[in-house]
Amino acid sequence: MTVFIRIACIICGYFCGLLETGYIYGKIKGIDIRNYGSGNSGTTNALRVLGKKAGLVVFIGDFFKAVIPCLIVRLLTQNSYPDIYLLFVLYIGLGVVMGHNFPFYLKFKGGKGVAATAGMIVGLLIPLMILILLVLFVAVVALTRYVSLGSILLMIGFVTLYVIFAFKGMLCFDPSGDSRPEMIESIVLAVIFASMSIYKHKANIKRLLRGEENKLGQKKTEETIGG
């Protein structure tokens, strides 16, 4: 039964992730946002290309398309599977991010999944983790004005905290009990989340290393358009 739930979560999550807010908003404005700026349909590119209102709308759309399914799965499974329900939350979150990053109807060219992953993290409903990661992201972006750097460190911080919380018994799993295998499986999923996001930021990482990454509020230069 739990195998079926895993599969159902990924499939349902994928279709939720296909609500490509940036692409839809861009089309309303008469453009394909993937042809501008960094070439993806996420929050940061919408902010740079279409302005603050667009960035906010896209973030809210991509964030809640992950939060809502995650909360629904949590409500449906936490009583029946009290020791492993977070695993199912991660699975539907993974499906959402995959749908966002690789939408089939856009030739698998979507966003980087940061807002959707943030939505999944909030959907886990672990207050201390949410607070730490929020402070980390805001502090990095405020100090460096590099949204990409903040996003990358957010993913690394998520995996680090998730592993610590899991082995300390601060999640639903019993680290030394019957749910330990599911706990390890959930850690693998957390690593997959981070790896997908960091991979999607590979061009940003190269620019960061060269000192050419665009800062928040800075116009994108021609050399980095499409990067």
C-alpha atoms as a PDB file:
ATOM      1  CA  MET A   1       0.000   0.000   0.000  1.00  0.00           C
ATOM      2  CA  THR A   2       2.756   2.447   0.870  1.00  0.00           C
ATOM      3  CA  VAL A   3       4.401   1.835  -2.519  1.00  0.00           C
ATOM      4  CA  PHE A   4       1.157   2.867  -4.201  1.00  0.00           C
ATOM      5  CA  ILE A   5       1.006   5.999  -2.038  1.00  0.00           C
ATOM      6  CA  ARG A   6       4.551   6.918  -3.054  1.00  0.00           C
ATOM      7  CA  ILE A   7       3.735   6.541  -6.749  1.00  0.00           C
ATOM      8  CA  ALA A   8       0.439   8.424  -6.411  1.00  0.00           C
ATOM      9  CA  CYS A   9       2.201  11.273  -4.607  1.00  0.00           C
ATOM     10  CA  ILE A  10       4.824  11.672  -7.325  1.00  0.00           C
ATOM     11  CA  ILE A  11       2.230  11.591 -10.132  1.00  0.00           C
ATOM     12  CA  CYS A  12      -0.203  13.981  -8.418  1.00  0.00           C
ATOM     13  CA  GLY A  13       2.675  16.255  -7.436  1.00  0.00           C
ATOM     14  CA  TYR A  14       3.984  16.352 -11.001  1.00  0.00           C
ATOM     15  CA  PHE A  15       0.650  17.535 -12.346  1.00  0.00           C
ATOM     16  CA  CYS A  16       0.420  20.188  -9.622  1.00  0.00           C
ATOM     17  CA  GLY A  17       3.901  21.348 -10.607  1.00  0.00           C
ATOM     18  CA  LEU A  18       2.789  21.862 -14.201  1.00  0.00           C
ATOM     19  CA  LEU A  19       1.072  25.078 -13.147  1.00  0.00           C
ATOM     20  CA  GLU A  20       3.988  27.125 -14.487  1.00  0.00           C
ATOM     21  CA  THR A  21       3.170  30.502 -12.949  1.00  0.00           C
ATOM     22  CA  GLY A  22       6.016  32.427 -14.592  1.00  0.00           C
ATOM     23  CA  TYR A  23       5.224  31.093 -18.049  1.00  0.00           C
ATOM     24  CA  ILE A  24       1.496  31.813 -17.643  1.00  0.00           C
ATOM     25  CA  TYR A  25       2.108  35.324 -16.296  1.00  0.00           C
ATOM     26  CA  GLY A  26       4.516  36.030 -19.135  1.00  0.00           C
ATOM     27  CA  LYS A  27       1.998  34.881 -21.724  1.00  0.00           C
ATOM     28  CA  ILE A  28      -0.588  37.217 -20.198  1.00  0.00           C
ATOM     29  CA  LYS A  29       1.944  40.006 -20.754  1.00  0.00           C
ATOM     30  CA  GLY A  30       2.550  38.816 -24.313  1.00  0.00           C
ATOM     31  CA  ILE A  31       5.972  37.195 -23.909  1.00  0.00           C
ATOM     32  CA  ASP A  32       7.517  33.793 -23.332  1.00  0.00           C
ATOM     33  CA  ILE A  33       9.616  34.565 -20.266  1.00  0.00           C
ATOM     34  CA  ARG A  34      11.936  31.665 -21.104  1.00  0.00           C
ATOM     35  CA  ASN A  35      13.256  33.716 -24.034  1.00  0.00           C
ATOM     36  CA  TYR A  36      14.478  36.470 -21.719  1.00  0.00           C
ATOM     37  CA  GLY A  37      16.921  36.895 -18.872  1.00  0.00           C
ATOM     38  CA  SER A  38      18.211  33.613 -17.493  1.00  0.00           C
ATOM     39  CA  GLY A  39      15.894  31.592 -19.725  1.00  0.00           C
ATOM     40  CA  ASN A  40      13.855  29.953 -16.972  1.00  0.00           C
ATOM     41  CA  SER A  41      10.319  30.621 -15.751  1.00  0.00           C
ATOM     42  CA  GLY A  42      11.041  31.065 -12.049  1.00  0.00           C
ATOM     43  CA  THR A  43      10.636  33.903  -9.572  1.00  0.00           C
ATOM     44  CA  THR A  44      14.012  35.619  -9.981  1.00  0.00           C
ATOM     45  CA  ASN A  45      13.791  35.753 -13.761  1.00  0.00           C
ATOM     46  CA  ALA A  46      10.214  37.052 -13.585  1.00  0.00           C
ATOM     47  CA  LEU A  47      11.416  39.737 -11.176  1.00  0.00           C
ATOM     48  CA  ARG A  48      14.244  40.819 -13.475  1.00  0.00           C
ATOM     49  CA  VAL A  49      12.280  40.670 -16.711  1.00  0.00           C
ATOM     50  CA  LEU A  50       8.790  41.797 -15.685  1.00  0.00           C
ATOM     51  CA  GLY A  51       9.285  43.638 -12.406  1.00  0.00           C
ATOM     52  CA  LYS A  52       8.482  43.317  -8.714  1.00  0.00           C
ATOM     53  CA  LYS A  53       4.777  42.572  -9.112  1.00  0.00           C
ATOM     54  CA  ALA A  54       5.532  39.725 -11.496  1.00  0.00           C
ATOM     55  CA  GLY A  55       8.195  38.335  -9.171  1.00  0.00           C
ATOM     56  CA  LEU A  56       5.757  38.355  -6.253  1.00  0.00           C
ATOM     57  CA  VAL A  57       2.937  36.746  -8.250  1.00  0.00           C
ATOM     58  CA  VAL A  58       5.210  34.032  -9.612  1.00  0.00           C
ATOM     59  CA  PHE A  59       6.694  33.294  -6.196  1.00  0.00           C
ATOM     60  CA  ILE A  60       3.259  33.006  -4.582  1.00  0.00           C
ATOM     61  CA  GLY A  61       1.993  30.737  -7.358  1.00  0.00           C
ATOM     62  CA  ASP A  62       5.014  28.436  -7.342  1.00  0.00           C
ATOM     63  CA  PHE A  63       5.179  28.412  -3.532  1.00  0.00           C
ATOM     64  CA  PHE A  64       1.555  27.502  -2.922  1.00  0.00           C
ATOM     65  CA  LYS A  65       1.367  24.900  -5.672  1.00  0.00           C
ATOM     66  CA  ALA A  66       3.760  22.949  -3.432  1.00  0.00           C
ATOM     67  CA  VAL A  67       2.457  23.958   0.008  1.00  0.00           C
ATOM     68  CA  ILE A  68      -1.151  22.978  -0.643  1.00  0.00           C
ATOM     69  CA  PRO A  69      -0.524  19.423  -1.961  1.00  0.00           C
ATOM     70  CA  CYS A  70       2.013  18.810   0.821  1.00  0.00           C
ATOM     71  CA  LEU A  71      -0.441  19.881   3.506  1.00  0.00           C
ATOM     72  CA  ILE A  72      -3.193  17.752   1.977  1.00  0.00           C
ATOM     73  CA  VAL A  73      -0.966  14.663   1.927  1.00  0.00           C
ATOM     74  CA  ARG A  74       0.080  15.343   5.495  1.00  0.00           C
ATOM     75  CA  LEU A  75      -3.553  15.523   6.623  1.00  0.00           C
ATOM     76  CA  LEU A  76      -4.440  12.336   4.750  1.00  0.00           C
ATOM     77  CA  THR A  77      -1.536  10.240   6.018  1.00  0.00           C
ATOM     78  CA  GLN A  78      -0.392  11.435   9.442  1.00  0.00           C
ATOM     79  CA  ASN A  79      -3.026   9.433  11.338  1.00  0.00           C
ATOM     80  CA  SER A  80      -2.715   6.234   9.296  1.00  0.00           C
ATOM     81  CA  TYR A  81       1.097   6.374   9.067  1.00  0.00           C
ATOM     82  CA  PRO A  82       2.225   8.446  12.084  1.00  0.00           C
ATOM     83  CA  ASP A  83       5.846   7.205  11.890  1.00  0.00           C
ATOM     84  CA  ILE A  84       6.451   7.841   8.181  1.00  0.00           C
ATOM     85  CA  TYR A  85       3.976  10.435   6.888  1.00  0.00           C
ATOM     86  CA  LEU A  86       6.726  12.999   6.204  1.00  0.00           C
ATOM     87  CA  LEU A  87       8.082  10.585   3.615  1.00  0.00           C
ATOM     88  CA  PHE A  88       4.867  10.971   1.619  1.00  0.00           C
ATOM     89  CA  VAL A  89       5.026  14.753   1.980  1.00  0.00           C
ATOM     90  CA  LEU A  90       8.509  14.645   0.478  1.00  0.00           C
ATOM     91  CA  TYR A  91       7.331  12.436  -2.381  1.00  0.00           C
ATOM     92  CA  ILE A  92       4.529  14.763  -3.434  1.00  0.00           C
ATOM     93  CA  GLY A  93       6.893  17.716  -3.015  1.00  0.00           C
ATOM     94  CA  LEU A  94       9.380  15.959  -5.275  1.00  0.00           C
ATOM     95  CA  GLY A  95       6.653  15.470  -7.864  1.00  0.00           C
ATOM     96  CA  VAL A  96       5.768  19.181  -7.739  1.00  0.00           C
ATOM     97  CA  VAL A  97       9.380  20.243  -8.230  1.00  0.00           C
ATOM     98  CA  MET A  98       9.832  17.791 -11.109  1.00  0.00           C
ATOM     99  CA  GLY A  99       6.682  19.126 -12.765  1.00  0.00           C
ATOM    100  CA  HIS A 100       7.916  22.684 -12.284  1.00  0.00           C
ATOM    101  CA  ASN A 101      11.451  22.015 -13.505  1.00  0.00           C
ATOM    102  CA  PHE A 102      10.540  19.652 -16.347  1.00  0.00           C
ATOM    103  CA  PRO A 103       7.028  20.449 -17.677  1.00  0.00           C
ATOM    104  CA  PHE A 104       6.288  18.124 -20.581  1.00  0.00           C
ATOM    105  CA  TYR A 105       4.154  20.694 -22.420  1.00  0.00           C
ATOM    106  CA  LEU A 106       7.054  23.183 -22.432  1.00  0.00           C
ATOM    107  CA  LYS A 107       9.555  20.657 -23.792  1.00  0.00           C
ATOM    108  CA  PHE A 108      10.751  20.026 -20.218  1.00  0.00           C
ATOM    109  CA  LYS A 109      12.099  23.572 -19.889  1.00  0.00           C
ATOM    110  CA  GLY A 110      10.756  25.085 -16.671  1.00  0.00           C
ATOM    111  CA  GLY A 111      12.189  26.795 -13.615  1.00  0.00           C
ATOM    112  CA  LYS A 112      14.780  25.923 -10.986  1.00  0.00           C
ATOM    113  CA  GLY A 113      12.314  24.803  -8.332  1.00  0.00           C
ATOM    114  CA  VAL A 114      13.454  27.062  -5.485  1.00  0.00           C
ATOM    115  CA  ALA A 115      10.023  28.517  -4.662  1.00  0.00           C
ATOM    116  CA  ALA A 116       8.399  25.098  -5.029  1.00  0.00           C
ATOM    117  CA  THR A 117      11.018  23.514  -2.785  1.00  0.00           C
ATOM    118  CA  ALA A 118      10.480  26.292  -0.254  1.00  0.00           C
ATOM    119  CA  GLY A 119       6.788  25.436  -0.377  1.00  0.00           C
ATOM    120  CA  MET A 120       7.566  21.800   0.295  1.00  0.00           C
ATOM    121  CA  ILE A 121       9.784  22.746   3.248  1.00  0.00           C
ATOM    122  CA  VAL A 122       6.962  24.807   4.746  1.00  0.00           C
ATOM    123  CA  GLY A 123       4.608  21.893   4.053  1.00  0.00           C
ATOM    124  CA  LEU A 124       6.744  19.699   6.300  1.00  0.00           C
ATOM    125  CA  LEU A 125       5.611  21.976   9.171  1.00  0.00           C
ATOM    126  CA  ILE A 126       8.878  21.876  11.118  1.00  0.00           C
ATOM    127  CA  PRO A 127       8.927  25.403  12.632  1.00  0.00           C
ATOM    128  CA  LEU A 128      12.564  25.481  13.760  1.00  0.00           C
ATOM    129  CA  MET A 129      13.810  24.311  10.362  1.00  0.00           C
ATOM    130  CA  ILE A 130      11.634  26.852   8.565  1.00  0.00           C
ATOM    131  CA  LEU A 131      12.885  29.684  10.778  1.00  0.00           C
ATOM    132  CA  ILE A 132      16.571  28.796  10.401  1.00  0.00           C
ATOM    133  CA  LEU A 133      16.347  28.438   6.626  1.00  0.00           C
ATOM    134  CA  LEU A 134      14.379  31.675   6.265  1.00  0.00           C
ATOM    135  CA  VAL A 135      16.982  33.589   8.268  1.00  0.00           C
ATOM    136  CA  LEU A 136      19.784  31.950   6.260  1.00  0.00           C
ATOM    137  CA  PHE A 137      18.267  32.840   2.889  1.00  0.00           C
ATOM    138  CA  VAL A 138      17.344  36.422   3.815  1.00  0.00           C
ATOM    139  CA  ALA A 139      20.748  37.052   5.413  1.00  0.00           C
ATOM    140  CA  VAL A 140      22.720  35.739   2.433  1.00  0.00           C
ATOM    141  CA  VAL A 141      20.667  37.680  -0.120  1.00  0.00           C
ATOM    142  CA  ALA A 142      20.726  40.843   2.001  1.00  0.00           C
ATOM    143  CA  LEU A 143      24.504  40.692   2.469  1.00  0.00           C
ATOM    144  CA  THR A 144      25.512  39.604  -1.038  1.00  0.00           C
ATOM    145  CA  ARG A 145      22.470  40.520  -3.183  1.00  0.00           C
ATOM    146  CA  TYR A 146      22.970  37.177  -4.923  1.00  0.00           C
ATOM    147  CA  VAL A 147      19.617  35.369  -5.004  1.00  0.00           C
ATOM    148  CA  SER A 148      21.278  32.365  -6.620  1.00  0.00           C
ATOM    149  CA  LEU A 149      23.788  32.053  -3.782  1.00  0.00           C
ATOM    150  CA  GLY A 150      20.979  32.331  -1.240  1.00  0.00           C
ATOM    151  CA  SER A 151      19.038  29.625  -3.083  1.00  0.00           C
ATOM    152  CA  ILE A 152      22.014  27.254  -3.254  1.00  0.00           C
ATOM    153  CA  LEU A 153      22.839  27.694   0.430  1.00  0.00           C
ATOM    154  CA  LEU A 154      19.149  27.237   1.248  1.00  0.00           C
ATOM    155  CA  MET A 155      19.238  23.803  -0.367  1.00  0.00           C
ATOM    156  CA  ILE A 156      22.456  22.812   1.378  1.00  0.00           C
ATOM    157  CA  GLY A 157      21.058  24.080   4.669  1.00  0.00           C
ATOM    158  CA  PHE A 158      17.838  22.121   4.155  1.00  0.00           C
ATOM    159  CA  VAL A 159      19.651  18.823   3.671  1.00  0.00           C
ATOM    160  CA  THR A 160      21.975  19.485   6.597  1.00  0.00           C
ATOM    161  CA  LEU A 161      19.150  20.359   8.977  1.00  0.00           C
ATOM    162  CA  TYR A 162      16.961  17.519   7.757  1.00  0.00           C
ATOM    163  CA  VAL A 163      19.677  14.951   8.442  1.00  0.00           C
ATOM    164  CA  ILE A 164      20.373  16.408  11.893  1.00  0.00           C
ATOM    165  CA  PHE A 165      16.694  16.557  12.813  1.00  0.00           C
ATOM    166  CA  ALA A 166      16.092  13.027  11.510  1.00  0.00           C
ATOM    167  CA  PHE A 167      18.881  11.359  13.484  1.00  0.00           C
ATOM    168  CA  LYS A 168      18.025  13.337  16.610  1.00  0.00           C
ATOM    169  CA  GLY A 169      14.470  12.003  16.481  1.00  0.00           C
ATOM    170  CA  MET A 170      12.958  15.448  15.900  1.00  0.00           C
ATOM    171  CA  LEU A 171      10.877  14.248  12.946  1.00  0.00           C
ATOM    172  CA  CYS A 172       8.120  11.643  12.824  1.00  0.00           C
ATOM    173  CA  PHE A 173      10.572   8.776  12.298  1.00  0.00           C
ATOM    174  CA  ASP A 174      12.097   6.569  14.987  1.00  0.00           C
ATOM    175  CA  PRO A 175      15.849   6.610  14.170  1.00  0.00           C
ATOM    176  CA  SER A 176      16.459   3.282  15.899  1.00  0.00           C
ATOM    177  CA  GLY A 177      13.061   1.670  15.323  1.00  0.00           C
ATOM    178  CA  ASP A 178      10.961   0.144  12.560  1.00  0.00           C
ATOM    179  CA  SER A 179      10.721   3.406  10.605  1.00  0.00           C
ATOM    180  CA  ARG A 180      14.497   3.841  10.253  1.00  0.00           C
ATOM    181  CA  PRO A 181      14.513   2.564   6.614  1.00  0.00           C
ATOM    182  CA  GLU A 182      11.843   5.124   5.687  1.00  0.00           C
ATOM    183  CA  MET A 183      13.855   7.782   7.481  1.00  0.00           C
ATOM    184  CA  ILE A 184      16.920   6.948   5.374  1.00  0.00           C
ATOM    185  CA  GLU A 185      14.716   6.969   2.266  1.00  0.00           C
ATOM    186  CA  SER A 186      13.445  10.430   3.196  1.00  0.00           C
ATOM    187  CA  ILE A 187      17.025  11.661   3.600  1.00  0.00           C
ATOM    188  CA  VAL A 188      17.792  10.395   0.099  1.00  0.00           C
ATOM    189  CA  LEU A 189      14.796  12.382  -1.175  1.00  0.00           C
ATOM    190  CA  ALA A 190      16.050  15.502   0.614  1.00  0.00           C
ATOM    191  CA  VAL A 191      19.420  15.064  -1.107  1.00  0.00           C
ATOM    192  CA  ILE A 192      17.655  14.659  -4.466  1.00  0.00           C
ATOM    193  CA  PHE A 193      15.775  17.934  -3.875  1.00  0.00           C
ATOM    194  CA  ALA A 194      18.992  19.792  -3.185  1.00  0.00           C
ATOM    195  CA  SER A 195      20.902  18.131  -6.023  1.00  0.00           C
ATOM    196  CA  MET A 196      18.234  19.013  -8.601  1.00  0.00           C
ATOM    197  CA  SER A 197      18.204  22.644  -7.523  1.00  0.00           C
ATOM    198  CA  ILE A 198      21.979  22.991  -7.401  1.00  0.00           C
ATOM    199  CA  TYR A 199      22.262  21.340 -10.830  1.00  0.00           C
ATOM    200  CA  LYS A 200      19.735  23.809 -12.241  1.00  0.00           C
ATOM    201  CA  HIS A 201      21.960  26.586 -10.841  1.00  0.00           C
ATOM    202  CA  LYS A 202      25.095  25.331 -12.607  1.00  0.00           C
ATOM    203  CA  ALA A 203      25.284  28.393 -14.872  1.00  0.00           C
ATOM    204  CA  ASN A 204      24.861  30.671 -11.846  1.00  0.00           C
ATOM    205  CA  ILE A 205      27.638  28.834 -10.022  1.00  0.00           C
ATOM    206  CA  LYS A 206      30.001  29.385 -12.946  1.00  0.00           C
ATOM    207  CA  ARG A 207      29.166  33.088 -12.991  1.00  0.00           C
ATOM    208  CA  LEU A 208      29.577  33.343  -9.215  1.00  0.00           C
ATOM    209  CA  LEU A 209      33.042  31.810  -9.491  1.00  0.00           C
ATOM    210  CA  ARG A 210      33.946  34.262 -12.265  1.00  0.00           C
ATOM    211  CA  GLY A 211      32.476  37.211 -10.357  1.00  0.00           C
ATOM    212  CA  GLU A 212      29.979  37.814 -13.154  1.00  0.00           C
ATOM    213  CA  GLU A 213      26.727  36.836 -11.467  1.00  0.00           C
ATOM    214  CA  ASN A 214      24.012  39.494 -11.549  1.00  0.00           C
ATOM    215  CA  LYS A 215      22.984  40.939  -8.212  1.00  0.00           C
ATOM    216  CA  LEU A 216      19.436  41.578  -7.059  1.00  0.00           C
ATOM    217  CA  GLY A 217      18.202  44.797  -8.642  1.00  0.00           C
ATOM    218  CA  GLN A 218      20.920  44.746 -11.304  1.00  0.00           C
ATOM    219  CA  LYS A 219      19.943  44.650 -14.970  1.00  0.00           C
ATOM    220  CA  LYS A 220      20.984  41.473 -16.701  1.00  0.00           C
ATOM    221  CA  THR A 221      23.829  42.013 -19.124  1.00  0.00           C
ATOM    222  CA  GLU A 222      23.744  40.690 -22.673  1.00  0.00           C
ATOM    223  CA  GLU A 223      26.557  38.289 -21.972  1.00  0.00           C
ATOM    224  CA  THR A 224      24.490  36.421 -19.385  1.00  0.00           C
ATOM    225  CA  ILE A 225      21.143  36.426 -21.204  1.00  0.00           C
ATOM    226  CA  GLY A 226      20.104  32.849 -21.777  1.00  0.00           C
ATOM    227  CA  GLY A 227      22.618  31.606 -19.207  1.00  0.00           C
END
